[in-house]
C-alpha atoms as a PDB file:
ATOM      1  CA  MET A   1       0.000   0.000   0.000  1.00  0.00           C
ATOM      2  CA  LYS A   2       2.898   2.419   0.602  1.00  0.00           C
ATOM      3  CA  ALA A   3       3.836   2.384  -3.095  1.00  0.00           C
ATOM      4  CA  TYR A   4       0.508   3.965  -4.038  1.00  0.00           C
ATOM      5  CA  THR A   5      -0.102   7.401  -2.536  1.00  0.00           C
ATOM      6  CA  HIS A   6      -3.667   8.217  -1.682  1.00  0.00           C
ATOM      7  CA  TRP A   7      -3.495  11.853  -2.691  1.00  0.00           C
ATOM      8  CA  ARG A   8      -6.255  13.117  -0.389  1.00  0.00           C
ATOM      9  CA  TRP A   9      -7.383  11.826   2.976  1.00  0.00           C
ATOM     10  CA  HIS A  10     -10.442  12.817   4.960  1.00  0.00           C
ATOM     11  CA  LEU A  11     -10.180  12.391   8.734  1.00  0.00           C
ATOM     12  CA  ASP A  12     -13.105  12.414  11.104  1.00  0.00           C
ATOM     13  CA  GLU A  13     -14.204  11.059  14.449  1.00  0.00           C
ATOM     14  CA  VAL A  14     -17.612   9.789  15.457  1.00  0.00           C
ATOM     15  CA  TYR A  15     -18.846   9.079  18.969  1.00  0.00           C
ATOM     16  CA  VAL A  16     -20.029   5.623  19.944  1.00  0.00           C
ATOM     17  CA  LYS A  17     -21.619   4.748  23.274  1.00  0.00           C
ATOM     18  CA  ILE A  18     -20.357   1.604  24.977  1.00  0.00           C
ATOM     19  CA  ASN A  19     -22.237   0.759  28.174  1.00  0.00           C
ATOM     20  CA  GLY A  20     -23.300   4.386  28.542  1.00  0.00           C
ATOM     21  CA  GLU A  21     -19.754   5.797  28.158  1.00  0.00           C
ATOM     22  CA  MET A  22     -18.659   7.916  25.213  1.00  0.00           C
ATOM     23  CA  HIS A  23     -15.903   6.493  23.035  1.00  0.00           C
ATOM     24  CA  TYR A  24     -14.596   7.861  19.776  1.00  0.00           C
ATOM     25  CA  LEU A  25     -14.066   6.048  16.497  1.00  0.00           C
ATOM     26  CA  TRP A  26     -11.458   7.877  14.405  1.00  0.00           C
ATOM     27  CA  ARG A  27     -11.601   7.123  10.670  1.00  0.00           C
ATOM     28  CA  ALA A  28      -9.451   7.971   7.660  1.00  0.00           C
ATOM     29  CA  VAL A  29     -11.076   7.806   4.223  1.00  0.00           C
ATOM     30  CA  ASP A  30      -9.308   8.312   0.902  1.00  0.00           C
ATOM     31  CA  HIS A  31     -10.547  10.427  -2.015  1.00  0.00           C
ATOM     32  CA  GLU A  32     -12.483   7.475  -3.488  1.00  0.00           C
ATOM     33  CA  GLY A  33     -14.430   6.781  -0.289  1.00  0.00           C
ATOM     34  CA  GLU A  34     -12.476   3.713   0.871  1.00  0.00           C
ATOM     35  CA  VAL A  35     -11.873   3.496   4.600  1.00  0.00           C
ATOM     36  CA  LEU A  36      -8.133   3.366   5.179  1.00  0.00           C
ATOM     37  CA  GLU A  37      -7.918   3.203   8.944  1.00  0.00           C
ATOM     38  CA  SER A  38     -10.207   3.067  11.959  1.00  0.00           C
ATOM     39  CA  PHE A  39      -9.126   3.517  15.564  1.00  0.00           C
ATOM     40  CA  VAL A  40     -11.071   3.581  18.853  1.00  0.00           C
ATOM     41  CA  THR A  41     -10.158   5.748  21.851  1.00  0.00           C
ATOM     42  CA  LYS A  42     -11.767   6.926  25.055  1.00  0.00           C
ATOM     43  CA  GLU A  43     -10.515  10.483  24.638  1.00  0.00           C
ATOM     44  CA  ARG A  44     -10.907  13.061  21.902  1.00  0.00           C
ATOM     45  CA  ASP A  45      -7.740  15.063  22.419  1.00  0.00           C
ATOM     46  CA  LYS A  46      -4.373  15.782  20.843  1.00  0.00           C
ATOM     47  CA  ALA A  47      -2.783  12.536  22.043  1.00  0.00           C
ATOM     48  CA  ALA A  48      -5.546  10.417  20.509  1.00  0.00           C
ATOM     49  CA  ALA A  49      -5.431  12.348  17.233  1.00  0.00           C
ATOM     50  CA  LEU A  50      -1.638  12.059  17.127  1.00  0.00           C
ATOM     51  CA  LYS A  51      -1.719   8.322  17.731  1.00  0.00           C
ATOM     52  CA  PHE A  52      -4.361   7.845  15.025  1.00  0.00           C
ATOM     53  CA  ILE A  53      -2.562   9.971  12.433  1.00  0.00           C
ATOM     54  CA  LYS A  54       0.787   8.278  13.106  1.00  0.00           C
ATOM     55  CA  LYS A  55      -0.826   4.860  12.722  1.00  0.00           C
ATOM     56  CA  ALA A  56      -2.432   5.844   9.413  1.00  0.00           C
ATOM     57  CA  LEU A  57       0.767   7.424   8.068  1.00  0.00           C
ATOM     58  CA  LYS A  58       2.830   4.382   9.014  1.00  0.00           C
ATOM     59  CA  ARG A  59       0.469   1.991   7.272  1.00  0.00           C
ATOM     60  CA  HIS A  60      -0.471   3.997   4.161  1.00  0.00           C
ATOM     61  CA  GLY A  61       2.321   6.504   3.571  1.00  0.00           C
ATOM     62  CA  SER A  62       1.965  10.259   3.357  1.00  0.00           C
ATOM     63  CA  PRO A  63      -0.897  11.863   1.379  1.00  0.00           C
ATOM     64  CA  LYS A  64      -0.652  15.113  -0.534  1.00  0.00           C
ATOM     65  CA  ALA A  65      -3.539  16.701   1.389  1.00  0.00           C
ATOM     66  CA  ILE A  66      -5.480  15.902   4.555  1.00  0.00           C
ATOM     67  CA  THR A  67      -8.993  17.283   4.953  1.00  0.00           C
ATOM     68  CA  THR A  68     -10.369  17.526   8.488  1.00  0.00           C
ATOM     69  CA  ASP A  69     -13.162  19.221  10.336  1.00  0.00           C
ATOM     70  CA  GLY A  70     -12.545  22.126  12.728  1.00  0.00           C
ATOM     71  CA  LEU A  71     -11.440  20.003  15.694  1.00  0.00           C
ATOM     72  CA  ARG A  72      -8.354  21.638  17.212  1.00  0.00           C
ATOM     73  CA  SER A  73      -6.816  18.288  18.121  1.00  0.00           C
ATOM     74  CA  TYR A  74      -6.106  17.655  14.442  1.00  0.00           C
ATOM     75  CA  ARG A  75      -4.267  20.946  14.038  1.00  0.00           C
ATOM     76  CA  ALA A  76      -2.146  20.342  17.150  1.00  0.00           C
ATOM     77  CA  ALA A  77      -1.293  16.785  16.088  1.00  0.00           C
ATOM     78  CA  MET A  78      -0.483  17.843  12.521  1.00  0.00           C
ATOM     79  CA  LYS A  79       1.743  20.625  13.825  1.00  0.00           C
ATOM     80  CA  GLU A  80       3.657  18.170  16.019  1.00  0.00           C
ATOM     81  CA  ILE A  81       4.182  15.746  13.113  1.00  0.00           C
ATOM     82  CA  GLY A  82       5.121  18.558  10.723  1.00  0.00           C
ATOM     83  CA  ASN A  83       2.176  18.151   8.334  1.00  0.00           C
ATOM     84  CA  ALA A  84       0.415  21.397   9.208  1.00  0.00           C
ATOM     85  CA  ASP A  85       0.815  22.702   5.652  1.00  0.00           C
ATOM     86  CA  LYS A  86      -1.045  19.643   4.248  1.00  0.00           C
ATOM     87  CA  GLN A  87      -4.148  20.171   6.386  1.00  0.00           C
ATOM     88  CA  GLU A  88      -7.254  21.619   4.782  1.00  0.00           C
ATOM     89  CA  ILE A  89     -10.306  22.680   6.752  1.00  0.00           C
ATOM     90  CA  GLY A  90     -13.593  23.581   5.130  1.00  0.00           C
ATOM     91  CA  ARG A  91     -17.228  23.739   6.077  1.00  0.00           C
ATOM     92  CA  TRP A  92     -18.416  20.978   3.741  1.00  0.00           C
ATOM     93  CA  ALA A  93     -15.004  19.729   2.625  1.00  0.00           C
ATOM     94  CA  ASN A  94     -15.145  16.672   4.876  1.00  0.00           C
ATOM     95  CA  ASN A  95     -18.462  15.267   3.596  1.00  0.00           C
ATOM     96  CA  ARG A  96     -16.694  12.220   2.110  1.00  0.00           C
ATOM     97  CA  CYS A  97     -15.790  11.000   5.595  1.00  0.00           C
ATOM     98  CA  GLU A  98     -19.097  12.052   7.154  1.00  0.00           C
ATOM     99  CA  ASN A  99     -20.971   9.965   4.574  1.00  0.00           C
ATOM    100  CA  SER A 100     -18.742   6.951   5.230  1.00  0.00           C
ATOM    101  CA  HIS A 101     -20.162   6.775   8.759  1.00  0.00           C
ATOM    102  CA  GLN A 102     -23.649   5.914   7.463  1.00  0.00           C
ATOM    103  CA  PRO A 103     -23.111   2.209   6.622  1.00  0.00           C
ATOM    104  CA  PHE A 104     -21.312   1.772   9.947  1.00  0.00           C
ATOM    105  CA  ARG A 105     -24.191   3.381  11.843  1.00  0.00           C
ATOM    106  CA  ARG A 106     -26.792   1.198  10.075  1.00  0.00           C
ATOM    107  CA  ARG A 107     -24.879  -1.959  10.980  1.00  0.00           C
ATOM    108  CA  GLU A 108     -24.253  -0.759  14.538  1.00  0.00           C
ATOM    109  CA  ARG A 109     -27.960  -0.202  15.055  1.00  0.00           C
ATOM    110  CA  ALA A 110     -28.801  -3.641  13.657  1.00  0.00           C
ATOM    111  CA  MET A 111     -26.297  -5.199  16.081  1.00  0.00           C
ATOM    112  CA  LEU A 112     -27.927  -3.375  19.036  1.00  0.00           C
ATOM    113  CA  ARG A 113     -24.759  -1.411  19.862  1.00  0.00           C
ATOM    114  CA  PHE A 114     -21.466  -2.555  21.384  1.00  0.00           C
ATOM    115  CA  ARG A 115     -20.551  -3.822  24.835  1.00  0.00           C
ATOM    116  CA  GLN A 116     -16.735  -3.572  24.763  1.00  0.00           C
ATOM    117  CA  MET A 117     -14.159  -1.280  23.219  1.00  0.00           C
ATOM    118  CA  LYS A 118     -12.255  -4.277  21.825  1.00  0.00           C
ATOM    119  CA  SER A 119     -15.306  -5.569  19.954  1.00  0.00           C
ATOM    120  CA  LEU A 120     -15.903  -2.099  18.490  1.00  0.00           C
ATOM    121  CA  GLN A 121     -12.308  -1.951  17.197  1.00  0.00           C
ATOM    122  CA  LYS A 122     -12.539  -5.429  15.652  1.00  0.00           C
ATOM    123  CA  PHE A 123     -15.908  -4.754  14.072  1.00  0.00           C
ATOM    124  CA  SER A 124     -14.953  -1.376  12.635  1.00  0.00           C
ATOM    125  CA  SER A 125     -11.796  -2.686  10.964  1.00  0.00           C
ATOM    126  CA  ILE A 126     -13.534  -5.754   9.525  1.00  0.00           C
ATOM    127  CA  HIS A 127     -16.582  -3.748   8.455  1.00  0.00           C
ATOM    128  CA  ALA A 128     -14.322  -1.265   6.661  1.00  0.00           C
ATOM    129  CA  ALA A 129     -12.539  -4.017   4.730  1.00  0.00           C
ATOM    130  CA  PHE A 130     -15.818  -5.702   3.837  1.00  0.00           C
ATOM    131  CA  HIS A 131     -17.480  -2.448   2.807  1.00  0.00           C
ATOM    132  CA  ASN A 132     -14.470  -1.377   0.701  1.00  0.00           C
ATOM    133  CA  HIS A 133     -14.575  -4.713  -1.094  1.00  0.00           C
ATOM    134  CA  TYR A 134     -18.262  -4.468  -2.016  1.00  0.00           C
ATOM    135  CA  ASN A 135     -18.636  -0.711  -2.373  1.00  0.00           C
ATOM    136  CA  LYS A 136     -18.648  -0.320  -6.131  1.00  0.00           C
ATOM    137  CA  GLY A 137     -19.541   2.977  -7.795  1.00  0.00           C
ATOM    138  CA  ARG A 138     -23.037   2.048  -8.897  1.00  0.00           C
ATOM    139  CA  HIS A 139     -23.695   5.380 -10.555  1.00  0.00           C
ATOM    140  CA  LEU A 140     -20.532   5.144 -12.654  1.00  0.00           C
ATOM    141  CA  THR A 141     -21.158   1.830 -14.431  1.00  0.00           C
ATOM    142  CA  GLN A 142     -23.904   0.084 -16.343  1.00  0.00           C
ATOM    143  CA  ARG A 143     -26.002  -2.607 -14.690  1.00  0.00           C
ATOM    144  CA  GLU A 144     -24.311  -5.568 -16.427  1.00  0.00           C
ATOM    145  CA  ASP A 145     -20.833  -4.335 -15.529  1.00  0.00           C
ATOM    146  CA  PHE A 146     -21.910  -3.636 -11.954  1.00  0.00           C
ATOM    147  CA  LYS A 147     -23.362  -7.140 -11.549  1.00  0.00           C
ATOM    148  CA  ALA A 148     -20.187  -8.704 -13.001  1.00  0.00           C
ATOM    149  CA  GLN A 149     -17.986  -6.703 -10.617  1.00  0.00           C
ATOM    150  CA  ARG A 150     -20.213  -7.577  -7.672  1.00  0.00           C
ATOM    151  CA  SER A 151     -20.131 -11.318  -8.442  1.00  0.00           C
ATOM    152  CA  ALA A 152     -16.336 -11.162  -8.923  1.00  0.00           C
ATOM    153  CA  ALA A 153     -16.001  -9.463  -5.525  1.00  0.00           C
ATOM    154  CA  LEU A 154     -18.184 -12.129  -3.914  1.00  0.00           C
ATOM    155  CA  ALA A 155     -16.153 -14.933  -5.506  1.00  0.00           C
ATOM    156  CA  GLU A 156     -12.904 -13.335  -4.343  1.00  0.00           C
ATOM    157  CA  TRP A 157     -14.287 -12.887  -0.815  1.00  0.00           C
ATOM    158  CA  LYS A 158     -15.368 -16.552  -0.700  1.00  0.00           C
ATOM    159  CA  SER A 159     -11.922 -17.698  -1.836  1.00  0.00           C
ATOM    160  CA  LEU A 160     -10.287 -15.546   0.853  1.00  0.00           C
ATOM    161  CA  MET A 161     -12.551 -16.905   3.574  1.00  0.00           C
ATOM    162  CA  ALA A 162     -12.163 -20.565   2.508  1.00  0.00           C
END
């Protein structure tokens, strides 16, 4: 994955309640809508943002631009890493990441929430991989091509799981 640079990342955090306590699911999404990294913390501060960004950079390399919301923790973490010039903040610029939360929220509701932080971390990483595999741009292709891609993805998934 490091050989290919994802030229724009979108970072965002979403709160998740576990046994009545607030936890935060940090997510990095590339410019095509694929979830690159997900990370669960109890805090929503500079240390958590720094840990998340370092983990994403280590695994996926450095992007050309990082789009975030107005959370100050991102700015402080980016300044400490030395990526402050790559950060972009805009009112609706981070919609790509905000929309990526929707499939996760639907599945979370169907599962009747989470009980442990560990299960949330496992689920979010597996759900991201599964969703990336099946999330084909339906509006970009014709029906026959879409069905062929979908069946190829299912066959590949079955061979991986066998």
